[in-house]
Amino acid sequence: MDAKLLEIKENTNAKQFETRVNGFLAKVEYMEGGNRIFLTHTEVAPQLEGQGVAAALVERILAILDERGAKIVPLCPYVATFIRKNPEWKRLLAHGINV
């Protein structure tokens, strides 16, 4: 799935970035602290699993956060693994954070 095709909505009340694919929800939950964003949980509807939706969602969210100049702390194992496999995103990691 092409990350650029995903329309991401930031739901600030629920503290999550979300998108819908074929009517099904995919989301990454977050918390804010100081000047950092803690990405805490990635969830994709079972109907979307195995289609690359989670990877596309995380990539698109990282691009959005990069545009904002945000620094992140990937507490979600999926996000941390994504960054480890795509080291070009390590530049977004908050000072002292390694994946």
PDB file of N, CA and C in Angstrom:
ATOM      1  N   MET A   1       0.841  -1.180   0.000  1.00  0.00           N
ATOM      2  CA  MET A   1       0.000   0.000   0.000  1.00  0.00           C
ATOM      3  C   MET A   1       0.885   1.243   0.000  1.00  0.00           C
ATOM      4  N   ASP A   2       0.527   2.228  -0.784  1.00  0.00           N
ATOM      5  CA  ASP A   2       1.284   3.468  -0.896  1.00  0.00           C
ATOM      6  C   ASP A   2       0.878   4.415   0.231  1.00  0.00           C
ATOM      7  N   ALA A   3       1.846   4.770   1.063  1.00  0.00           N
ATOM      8  CA  ALA A   3       1.578   5.639   2.211  1.00  0.00           C
ATOM      9  C   ALA A   3       1.014   6.983   1.778  1.00  0.00           C
ATOM     10  N   LYS A   4       1.422   7.476   0.618  1.00  0.00           N
ATOM     11  CA  LYS A   4       0.970   8.785   0.163  1.00  0.00           C
ATOM     12  C   LYS A   4      -0.521   8.807  -0.138  1.00  0.00           C
ATOM     13  N   LEU A   5      -1.115   7.644  -0.334  1.00  0.00           N
ATOM     14  CA  LEU A   5      -2.539   7.568  -0.647  1.00  0.00           C
ATOM     15  C   LEU A   5      -3.419   7.613   0.593  1.00  0.00           C
ATOM     16  N   LEU A   6      -2.819   7.428   1.753  1.00  0.00           N
ATOM     17  CA  LEU A   6      -3.610   7.417   2.987  1.00  0.00           C
ATOM     18  C   LEU A   6      -3.949   8.834   3.428  1.00  0.00           C
ATOM     19  N   GLU A   7      -5.203   9.051   3.734  1.00  0.00           N
ATOM     20  CA  GLU A   7      -5.637  10.311   4.302  1.00  0.00           C
ATOM     21  C   GLU A   7      -5.639  10.155   5.815  1.00  0.00           C
ATOM     22  N   ILE A   8      -4.735  10.854   6.469  1.00  0.00           N
ATOM     23  CA  ILE A   8      -4.560  10.730   7.915  1.00  0.00           C
ATOM     24  C   ILE A   8      -5.294  11.868   8.614  1.00  0.00           C
ATOM     25  N   LYS A   9      -6.040  11.510   9.631  1.00  0.00           N
ATOM     26  CA  LYS A   9      -6.720  12.496  10.473  1.00  0.00           C
ATOM     27  C   LYS A   9      -6.110  12.401  11.859  1.00  0.00           C
ATOM     28  N   GLU A  10      -5.780  13.541  12.433  1.00  0.00           N
ATOM     29  CA  GLU A  10      -5.326  13.535  13.820  1.00  0.00           C
ATOM     30  C   GLU A  10      -6.539  13.783  14.709  1.00  0.00           C
ATOM     31  N   ASN A  11      -6.890  12.791  15.483  1.00  0.00           N
ATOM     32  CA  ASN A  11      -8.000  12.885  16.415  1.00  0.00           C
ATOM     33  C   ASN A  11      -7.395  13.272  17.766  1.00  0.00           C
ATOM     34  N   THR A  12      -7.359  14.578  18.036  1.00  0.00           N
ATOM     35  CA  THR A  12      -6.689  15.056  19.252  1.00  0.00           C
ATOM     36  C   THR A  12      -7.448  14.659  20.513  1.00  0.00           C
ATOM     37  N   ASN A  13      -8.768  14.508  20.437  1.00  0.00           N
ATOM     38  CA  ASN A  13      -9.539  14.073  21.612  1.00  0.00           C
ATOM     39  C   ASN A  13      -9.165  12.654  22.018  1.00  0.00           C
ATOM     40  N   ALA A  14      -9.007  11.771  21.038  1.00  0.00           N
ATOM     41  CA  ALA A  14      -8.647  10.372  21.310  1.00  0.00           C
ATOM     42  C   ALA A  14      -7.137  10.170  21.357  1.00  0.00           C
ATOM     43  N   LYS A  15      -6.382  11.210  21.054  1.00  0.00           N
ATOM     44  CA  LYS A  15      -4.908  11.130  21.014  1.00  0.00           C
ATOM     45  C   LYS A  15      -4.456  10.012  20.077  1.00  0.00           C
ATOM     46  N   GLN A  16      -4.898  10.116  18.814  1.00  0.00           N
ATOM     47  CA  GLN A  16      -4.481   9.122  17.834  1.00  0.00           C
ATOM     48  C   GLN A  16      -4.523   9.712  16.432  1.00  0.00           C
ATOM     49  N   PHE A  17      -3.647   9.172  15.604  1.00  0.00           N
ATOM     50  CA  PHE A  17      -3.684   9.419  14.173  1.00  0.00           C
ATOM     51  C   PHE A  17      -4.468   8.258  13.588  1.00  0.00           C
ATOM     52  N   GLU A  18      -5.372   8.548  12.671  1.00  0.00           N
ATOM     53  CA  GLU A  18      -6.207   7.470  12.161  1.00  0.00           C
ATOM     54  C   GLU A  18      -6.489   7.623  10.675  1.00  0.00           C
ATOM     55  N   THR A  19      -6.815   6.510  10.072  1.00  0.00           N
ATOM     56  CA  THR A  19      -7.231   6.478   8.679  1.00  0.00           C
ATOM     57  C   THR A  19      -8.244   5.354   8.537  1.00  0.00           C
ATOM     58  N   ARG A  20      -8.990   5.415   7.481  1.00  0.00           N
ATOM     59  CA  ARG A  20      -9.921   4.335   7.162  1.00  0.00           C
ATOM     60  C   ARG A  20      -9.560   3.796   5.785  1.00  0.00           C
ATOM     61  N   VAL A  21      -9.500   2.483   5.698  1.00  0.00           N
ATOM     62  CA  VAL A  21      -9.229   1.797   4.439  1.00  0.00           C
ATOM     63  C   VAL A  21     -10.385   0.834   4.223  1.00  0.00           C
ATOM     64  N   ASN A  22     -11.077   1.004   3.120  1.00  0.00           N
ATOM     65  CA  ASN A  22     -12.256   0.182   2.822  1.00  0.00           C
ATOM     66  C   ASN A  22     -13.251   0.187   3.987  1.00  0.00           C
ATOM     67  N   GLY A  23     -13.331   1.327   4.690  1.00  0.00           N
ATOM     68  CA  GLY A  23     -14.270   1.469   5.790  1.00  0.00           C
ATOM     69  C   GLY A  23     -13.762   0.967   7.137  1.00  0.00           C
ATOM     70  N   PHE A  24     -12.561   0.394   7.169  1.00  0.00           N
ATOM     71  CA  PHE A  24     -12.013  -0.160   8.410  1.00  0.00           C
ATOM     72  C   PHE A  24     -10.944   0.773   8.984  1.00  0.00           C
ATOM     73  N   LEU A  25     -10.920   0.866  10.308  1.00  0.00           N
ATOM     74  CA  LEU A  25     -10.026   1.788  11.008  1.00  0.00           C
ATOM     75  C   LEU A  25      -8.624   1.218  11.198  1.00  0.00           C
ATOM     76  N   ALA A  26      -7.649   2.083  10.995  1.00  0.00           N
ATOM     77  CA  ALA A  26      -6.256   1.813  11.357  1.00  0.00           C
ATOM     78  C   ALA A  26      -5.774   3.047  12.106  1.00  0.00           C
ATOM     79  N   LYS A  27      -5.024   2.831  13.190  1.00  0.00           N
ATOM     80  CA  LYS A  27      -4.648   3.986  14.012  1.00  0.00           C
ATOM     81  C   LYS A  27      -3.322   3.778  14.720  1.00  0.00           C
ATOM     82  N   VAL A  28      -2.728   4.908  15.094  1.00  0.00           N
ATOM     83  CA  VAL A  28      -1.554   4.924  15.962  1.00  0.00           C
ATOM     84  C   VAL A  28      -1.888   5.891  17.091  1.00  0.00           C
ATOM     85  N   GLU A  29      -1.856   5.379  18.304  1.00  0.00           N
ATOM     86  CA  GLU A  29      -2.140   6.191  19.484  1.00  0.00           C
ATOM     87  C   GLU A  29      -0.859   6.879  19.945  1.00  0.00           C
ATOM     88  N   TYR A  30      -1.031   8.034  20.590  1.00  0.00           N
ATOM     89  CA  TYR A  30       0.135   8.775  21.060  1.00  0.00           C
ATOM     90  C   TYR A  30      -0.162   9.502  22.363  1.00  0.00           C
ATOM     91  N   MET A  31       0.925   9.936  22.995  1.00  0.00           N
ATOM     92  CA  MET A  31       0.866  10.828  24.158  1.00  0.00           C
ATOM     93  C   MET A  31       1.872  11.929  23.877  1.00  0.00           C
ATOM     94  N   GLU A  32       1.648  13.086  24.458  1.00  0.00           N
ATOM     95  CA  GLU A  32       2.584  14.183  24.298  1.00  0.00           C
ATOM     96  C   GLU A  32       3.231  14.487  25.639  1.00  0.00           C
ATOM     97  N   GLY A  33       4.501  14.821  25.586  1.00  0.00           N
ATOM     98  CA  GLY A  33       5.213  15.161  26.807  1.00  0.00           C
ATOM     99  C   GLY A  33       6.366  16.082  26.482  1.00  0.00           C
ATOM    100  N   GLY A  34       6.305  17.298  27.012  1.00  0.00           N
ATOM    101  CA  GLY A  34       7.345  18.265  26.695  1.00  0.00           C
ATOM    102  C   GLY A  34       7.321  18.540  25.203  1.00  0.00           C
ATOM    103  N   ASN A  35       8.460  18.389  24.575  1.00  0.00           N
ATOM    104  CA  ASN A  35       8.539  18.615  23.130  1.00  0.00           C
ATOM    105  C   ASN A  35       8.626  17.292  22.376  1.00  0.00           C
ATOM    106  N   ARG A  36       8.151  16.219  23.005  1.00  0.00           N
ATOM    107  CA  ARG A  36       8.241  14.898  22.377  1.00  0.00           C
ATOM    108  C   ARG A  36       6.850  14.294  22.212  1.00  0.00           C
ATOM    109  N   ILE A  37       6.745  13.414  21.219  1.00  0.00           N
ATOM    110  CA  ILE A  37       5.528  12.651  20.994  1.00  0.00           C
ATOM    111  C   ILE A  37       5.868  11.181  21.197  1.00  0.00           C
ATOM    112  N   PHE A  38       5.126  10.548  22.074  1.00  0.00           N
ATOM    113  CA  PHE A  38       5.315   9.138  22.388  1.00  0.00           C
ATOM    114  C   PHE A  38       4.292   8.339  21.574  1.00  0.00           C
ATOM    115  N   LEU A  39       4.756   7.558  20.617  1.00  0.00           N
ATOM    116  CA  LEU A  39       3.873   6.718  19.821  1.00  0.00           C
ATOM    117  C   LEU A  39       3.708   5.414  20.588  1.00  0.00           C
ATOM    118  N   THR A  40       2.490   5.162  21.085  1.00  0.00           N
ATOM    119  CA  THR A  40       2.292   4.113  22.079  1.00  0.00           C
ATOM    120  C   THR A  40       1.667   2.822  21.564  1.00  0.00           C
ATOM    121  N   HIS A  41       0.882   2.898  20.496  1.00  0.00           N
ATOM    122  CA  HIS A  41       0.160   1.687  20.075  1.00  0.00           C
ATOM    123  C   HIS A  41      -0.281   1.818  18.617  1.00  0.00           C
ATOM    124  N   THR A  42      -0.050   0.783  17.844  1.00  0.00           N
ATOM    125  CA  THR A  42      -0.532   0.708  16.462  1.00  0.00           C
ATOM    126  C   THR A  42      -1.588  -0.379  16.400  1.00  0.00           C
ATOM    127  N   GLU A  43      -2.698  -0.060  15.748  1.00  0.00           N
ATOM    128  CA  GLU A  43      -3.779  -1.038  15.637  1.00  0.00           C
ATOM    129  C   GLU A  43      -4.407  -0.953  14.247  1.00  0.00           C
ATOM    130  N   VAL A  44      -4.569  -2.104  13.640  1.00  0.00           N
ATOM    131  CA  VAL A  44      -5.186  -2.206  12.318  1.00  0.00           C
ATOM    132  C   VAL A  44      -6.331  -3.205  12.434  1.00  0.00           C
ATOM    133  N   ALA A  45      -7.471  -2.861  11.865  1.00  0.00           N
ATOM    134  CA  ALA A  45      -8.612  -3.773  11.888  1.00  0.00           C
ATOM    135  C   ALA A  45      -8.204  -5.119  11.295  1.00  0.00           C
ATOM    136  N   PRO A  46      -8.705  -6.219  11.843  1.00  0.00           N
ATOM    137  CA  PRO A  46      -8.341  -7.555  11.340  1.00  0.00           C
ATOM    138  C   PRO A  46      -8.561  -7.713   9.834  1.00  0.00           C
ATOM    139  N   GLN A  47      -9.537  -7.025   9.302  1.00  0.00           N
ATOM    140  CA  GLN A  47      -9.838  -7.126   7.868  1.00  0.00           C
ATOM    141  C   GLN A  47      -8.730  -6.513   6.998  1.00  0.00           C
ATOM    142  N   LEU A  48      -7.857  -5.705   7.603  1.00  0.00           N
ATOM    143  CA  LEU A  48      -6.790  -5.035   6.857  1.00  0.00           C
ATOM    144  C   LEU A  48      -5.425  -5.682   7.041  1.00  0.00           C
ATOM    145  N   GLU A  49      -5.333  -6.644   7.949  1.00  0.00           N
ATOM    146  CA  GLU A  49      -4.035  -7.250   8.245  1.00  0.00           C
ATOM    147  C   GLU A  49      -3.443  -7.923   7.011  1.00  0.00           C
ATOM    148  N   GLY A  50      -2.118  -7.830   6.913  1.00  0.00           N
ATOM    149  CA  GLY A  50      -1.405  -8.479   5.823  1.00  0.00           C
ATOM    150  C   GLY A  50      -1.428  -7.719   4.514  1.00  0.00           C
ATOM    151  N   GLN A  51      -1.943  -6.483   4.519  1.00  0.00           N
ATOM    152  CA  GLN A  51      -2.038  -5.691   3.294  1.00  0.00           C
ATOM    153  C   GLN A  51      -1.062  -4.520   3.266  1.00  0.00           C
ATOM    154  N   GLY A  52      -0.206  -4.411   4.280  1.00  0.00           N
ATOM    155  CA  GLY A  52       0.758  -3.319   4.327  1.00  0.00           C
ATOM    156  C   GLY A  52       0.187  -2.020   4.869  1.00  0.00           C
ATOM    157  N   VAL A  53      -1.013  -2.087   5.445  1.00  0.00           N
ATOM    158  CA  VAL A  53      -1.657  -0.871   5.944  1.00  0.00           C
ATOM    159  C   VAL A  53      -0.893  -0.291   7.127  1.00  0.00           C
ATOM    160  N   ALA A  54      -0.476  -1.114   8.067  1.00  0.00           N
ATOM    161  CA  ALA A  54       0.239  -0.608   9.253  1.00  0.00           C
ATOM    162  C   ALA A  54       1.535   0.083   8.856  1.00  0.00           C
ATOM    163  N   ALA A  55       2.292  -0.516   7.957  1.00  0.00           N
ATOM    164  CA  ALA A  55       3.553   0.096   7.515  1.00  0.00           C
ATOM    165  C   ALA A  55       3.292   1.426   6.817  1.00  0.00           C
ATOM    166  N   ALA A  56       2.290   1.465   5.947  1.00  0.00           N
ATOM    167  CA  ALA A  56       1.962   2.701   5.241  1.00  0.00           C
ATOM    168  C   ALA A  56       1.487   3.770   6.218  1.00  0.00           C
ATOM    169  N   LEU A  57       0.689   3.374   7.201  1.00  0.00           N
ATOM    170  CA  LEU A  57       0.197   4.300   8.206  1.00  0.00           C
ATOM    171  C   LEU A  57       1.346   4.898   9.008  1.00  0.00           C
ATOM    172  N   VAL A  58       2.240   4.058   9.494  1.00  0.00           N
ATOM    173  CA  VAL A  58       3.376   4.541  10.283  1.00  0.00           C
ATOM    174  C   VAL A  58       4.263   5.451   9.432  1.00  0.00           C
ATOM    175  N   GLU A  59       4.528   5.066   8.200  1.00  0.00           N
ATOM    176  CA  GLU A  59       5.365   5.898   7.324  1.00  0.00           C
ATOM    177  C   GLU A  59       4.737   7.276   7.116  1.00  0.00           C
ATOM    178  N   ARG A  60       3.446   7.309   6.886  1.00  0.00           N
ATOM    179  CA  ARG A  60       2.750   8.588   6.656  1.00  0.00           C
ATOM    180  C   ARG A  60       2.763   9.440   7.914  1.00  0.00           C
ATOM    181  N   ILE A  61       2.558   8.834   9.068  1.00  0.00           N
ATOM    182  CA  ILE A  61       2.580   9.586  10.332  1.00  0.00           C
ATOM    183  C   ILE A  61       3.976  10.137  10.599  1.00  0.00           C
ATOM    184  N   LEU A  62       5.004   9.345  10.349  1.00  0.00           N
ATOM    185  CA  LEU A  62       6.370   9.836  10.541  1.00  0.00           C
ATOM    186  C   LEU A  62       6.652  11.020   9.620  1.00  0.00           C
ATOM    187  N   ALA A  63       6.138  10.983   8.401  1.00  0.00           N
ATOM    188  CA  ALA A  63       6.320  12.107   7.476  1.00  0.00           C
ATOM    189  C   ALA A  63       5.618  13.360   8.009  1.00  0.00           C
ATOM    190  N   ILE A  64       4.425  13.192   8.548  1.00  0.00           N
ATOM    191  CA  ILE A  64       3.689  14.321   9.127  1.00  0.00           C
ATOM    192  C   ILE A  64       4.450  14.900  10.307  1.00  0.00           C
ATOM    193  N   LEU A  65       4.936  14.036  11.185  1.00  0.00           N
ATOM    194  CA  LEU A  65       5.682  14.502  12.356  1.00  0.00           C
ATOM    195  C   LEU A  65       7.002  15.146  11.958  1.00  0.00           C
ATOM    196  N   ASP A  66       7.620  14.646  10.904  1.00  0.00           N
ATOM    197  CA  ASP A  66       8.854  15.241  10.380  1.00  0.00           C
ATOM    198  C   ASP A  66       8.585  16.667   9.905  1.00  0.00           C
ATOM    199  N   GLU A  67       7.485  16.861   9.183  1.00  0.00           N
ATOM    200  CA  GLU A  67       7.120  18.198   8.708  1.00  0.00           C
ATOM    201  C   GLU A  67       6.908  19.159   9.864  1.00  0.00           C
ATOM    202  N   ARG A  68       6.432  18.661  10.977  1.00  0.00           N
ATOM    203  CA  ARG A  68       6.195  19.487  12.172  1.00  0.00           C
ATOM    204  C   ARG A  68       7.469  19.736  12.973  1.00  0.00           C
ATOM    205  N   GLY A  69       8.524  19.002  12.653  1.00  0.00           N
ATOM    206  CA  GLY A  69       9.759  19.125  13.412  1.00  0.00           C
ATOM    207  C   GLY A  69       9.690  18.415  14.750  1.00  0.00           C
ATOM    208  N   ALA A  70       8.795  17.464  14.865  1.00  0.00           N
ATOM    209  CA  ALA A  70       8.595  16.748  16.128  1.00  0.00           C
ATOM    210  C   ALA A  70       9.706  15.732  16.375  1.00  0.00           C
ATOM    211  N   LYS A  71       9.939  15.474  17.628  1.00  0.00           N
ATOM    212  CA  LYS A  71      10.843  14.407  18.037  1.00  0.00           C
ATOM    213  C   LYS A  71       9.997  13.326  18.689  1.00  0.00           C
ATOM    214  N   ILE A  72      10.300  12.086  18.382  1.00  0.00           N
ATOM    215  CA  ILE A  72       9.433  10.999  18.826  1.00  0.00           C
ATOM    216  C   ILE A  72      10.142  10.012  19.743  1.00  0.00           C
ATOM    217  N   VAL A  73       9.314   9.321  20.515  1.00  0.00           N
ATOM    218  CA  VAL A  73       9.741   8.201  21.344  1.00  0.00           C
ATOM    219  C   VAL A  73       8.819   7.041  20.956  1.00  0.00           C
ATOM    220  N   PRO A  74       9.347   6.048  20.237  1.00  0.00           N
ATOM    221  CA  PRO A  74       8.500   4.940  19.788  1.00  0.00           C
ATOM    222  C   PRO A  74       8.340   3.867  20.873  1.00  0.00           C
ATOM    223  N   LEU A  75       7.301   4.002  21.693  1.00  0.00           N
ATOM    224  CA  LEU A  75       7.025   3.009  22.723  1.00  0.00           C
ATOM    225  C   LEU A  75       6.322   1.791  22.134  1.00  0.00           C
ATOM    226  N   CYS A  76       5.668   1.966  21.013  1.00  0.00           N
ATOM    227  CA  CYS A  76       4.994   0.866  20.320  1.00  0.00           C
ATOM    228  C   CYS A  76       6.044  -0.012  19.642  1.00  0.00           C
ATOM    229  N   PRO A  77       6.049  -1.308  19.917  1.00  0.00           N
ATOM    230  CA  PRO A  77       7.036  -2.198  19.286  1.00  0.00           C
ATOM    231  C   PRO A  77       6.973  -2.180  17.756  1.00  0.00           C
ATOM    232  N   TYR A  78       5.782  -2.034  17.198  1.00  0.00           N
ATOM    233  CA  TYR A  78       5.668  -2.011  15.734  1.00  0.00           C
ATOM    234  C   TYR A  78       6.371  -0.780  15.161  1.00  0.00           C
ATOM    235  N   VAL A  79       6.154   0.383  15.773  1.00  0.00           N
ATOM    236  CA  VAL A  79       6.787   1.613  15.297  1.00  0.00           C
ATOM    237  C   VAL A  79       8.305   1.510  15.446  1.00  0.00           C
ATOM    238  N   ALA A  80       8.772   1.006  16.580  1.00  0.00           N
ATOM    239  CA  ALA A  80      10.215   0.858  16.799  1.00  0.00           C
ATOM    240  C   ALA A  80      10.836  -0.067  15.752  1.00  0.00           C
ATOM    241  N   THR A  81      10.172  -1.166  15.459  1.00  0.00           N
ATOM    242  CA  THR A  81      10.671  -2.099  14.445  1.00  0.00           C
ATOM    243  C   THR A  81      10.661  -1.454  13.069  1.00  0.00           C
ATOM    244  N   PHE A  82       9.618  -0.703  12.757  1.00  0.00           N
ATOM    245  CA  PHE A  82       9.547  -0.014  11.471  1.00  0.00           C
ATOM    246  C   PHE A  82      10.741   0.929  11.307  1.00  0.00           C
ATOM    247  N   ILE A  83      11.048   1.690  12.349  1.00  0.00           N
ATOM    248  CA  ILE A  83      12.175   2.631  12.283  1.00  0.00           C
ATOM    249  C   ILE A  83      13.498   1.874  12.174  1.00  0.00           C
ATOM    250  N   ARG A  84      13.629   0.785  12.887  1.00  0.00           N
ATOM    251  CA  ARG A  84      14.851  -0.013  12.806  1.00  0.00           C
ATOM    252  C   ARG A  84      15.058  -0.531  11.375  1.00  0.00           C
ATOM    253  N   LYS A  85      13.976  -0.928  10.721  1.00  0.00           N
ATOM    254  CA  LYS A  85      14.060  -1.448   9.347  1.00  0.00           C
ATOM    255  C   LYS A  85      14.183  -0.339   8.306  1.00  0.00           C
ATOM    256  N   ASN A  86      13.842   0.885   8.690  1.00  0.00           N
ATOM    257  CA  ASN A  86      13.891   2.045   7.794  1.00  0.00           C
ATOM    258  C   ASN A  86      14.676   3.151   8.480  1.00  0.00           C
ATOM    259  N   PRO A  87      16.003   2.997   8.568  1.00  0.00           N
ATOM    260  CA  PRO A  87      16.818   3.889   9.399  1.00  0.00           C
ATOM    261  C   PRO A  87      16.796   5.360   8.994  1.00  0.00           C
ATOM    262  N   GLU A  88      16.266   5.677   7.820  1.00  0.00           N
ATOM    263  CA  GLU A  88      16.168   7.094   7.449  1.00  0.00           C
ATOM    264  C   GLU A  88      15.251   7.863   8.399  1.00  0.00           C
ATOM    265  N   TRP A  89      14.390   7.157   9.134  1.00  0.00           N
ATOM    266  CA  TRP A  89      13.489   7.809  10.081  1.00  0.00           C
ATOM    267  C   TRP A  89      14.119   7.996  11.465  1.00  0.00           C
ATOM    268  N   LYS A  90      15.311   7.458  11.686  1.00  0.00           N
ATOM    269  CA  LYS A  90      15.953   7.609  13.001  1.00  0.00           C
ATOM    270  C   LYS A  90      16.207   9.062  13.349  1.00  0.00           C
ATOM    271  N   ARG A  91      16.236   9.924  12.350  1.00  0.00           N
ATOM    272  CA  ARG A  91      16.468  11.349  12.612  1.00  0.00           C
ATOM    273  C   ARG A  91      15.351  11.983  13.447  1.00  0.00           C
ATOM    274  N   LEU A  92      14.195  11.317  13.505  1.00  0.00           N
ATOM    275  CA  LEU A  92      13.069  11.835  14.288  1.00  0.00           C
ATOM    276  C   LEU A  92      13.138  11.437  15.768  1.00  0.00           C
ATOM    277  N   LEU A  93      14.013  10.507  16.099  1.00  0.00           N
ATOM    278  CA  LEU A  93      14.074  10.031  17.469  1.00  0.00           C
ATOM    279  C   LEU A  93      14.523  11.136  18.423  1.00  0.00           C
ATOM    280  N   ALA A  94      13.853  11.217  19.561  1.00  0.00           N
ATOM    281  CA  ALA A  94      14.223  12.186  20.588  1.00  0.00           C
ATOM    282  C   ALA A  94      15.634  11.867  21.077  1.00  0.00           C
ATOM    283  N   HIS A  95      16.308  12.875  21.583  1.00  0.00           N
ATOM    284  CA  HIS A  95      17.677  12.721  22.080  1.00  0.00           C
ATOM    285  C   HIS A  95      17.757  11.578  23.094  1.00  0.00           C
ATOM    286  N   GLY A  96      18.711  10.693  22.886  1.00  0.00           N
ATOM    287  CA  GLY A  96      18.954   9.594  23.799  1.00  0.00           C
ATOM    288  C   GLY A  96      18.109   8.354  23.545  1.00  0.00           C
ATOM    289  N   ILE A  97      17.249   8.384  22.535  1.00  0.00           N
ATOM    290  CA  ILE A  97      16.381   7.252  22.217  1.00  0.00           C
ATOM    291  C   ILE A  97      17.019   6.442  21.097  1.00  0.00           C
ATOM    292  N   ASN A  98      17.084   5.132  21.307  1.00  0.00           N
ATOM    293  CA  ASN A  98      17.603   4.216  20.287  1.00  0.00           C
ATOM    294  C   ASN A  98      16.564   3.131  20.039  1.00  0.00           C
ATOM    295  N   VAL A  99      16.583   2.612  18.816  1.00  0.00           N
ATOM    296  CA  VAL A  99      15.695   1.489  18.483  1.00  0.00           C
ATOM    297  C   VAL A  99      16.519   0.362  17.901  1.00  0.00           C
TER     298      VAL A  99
END
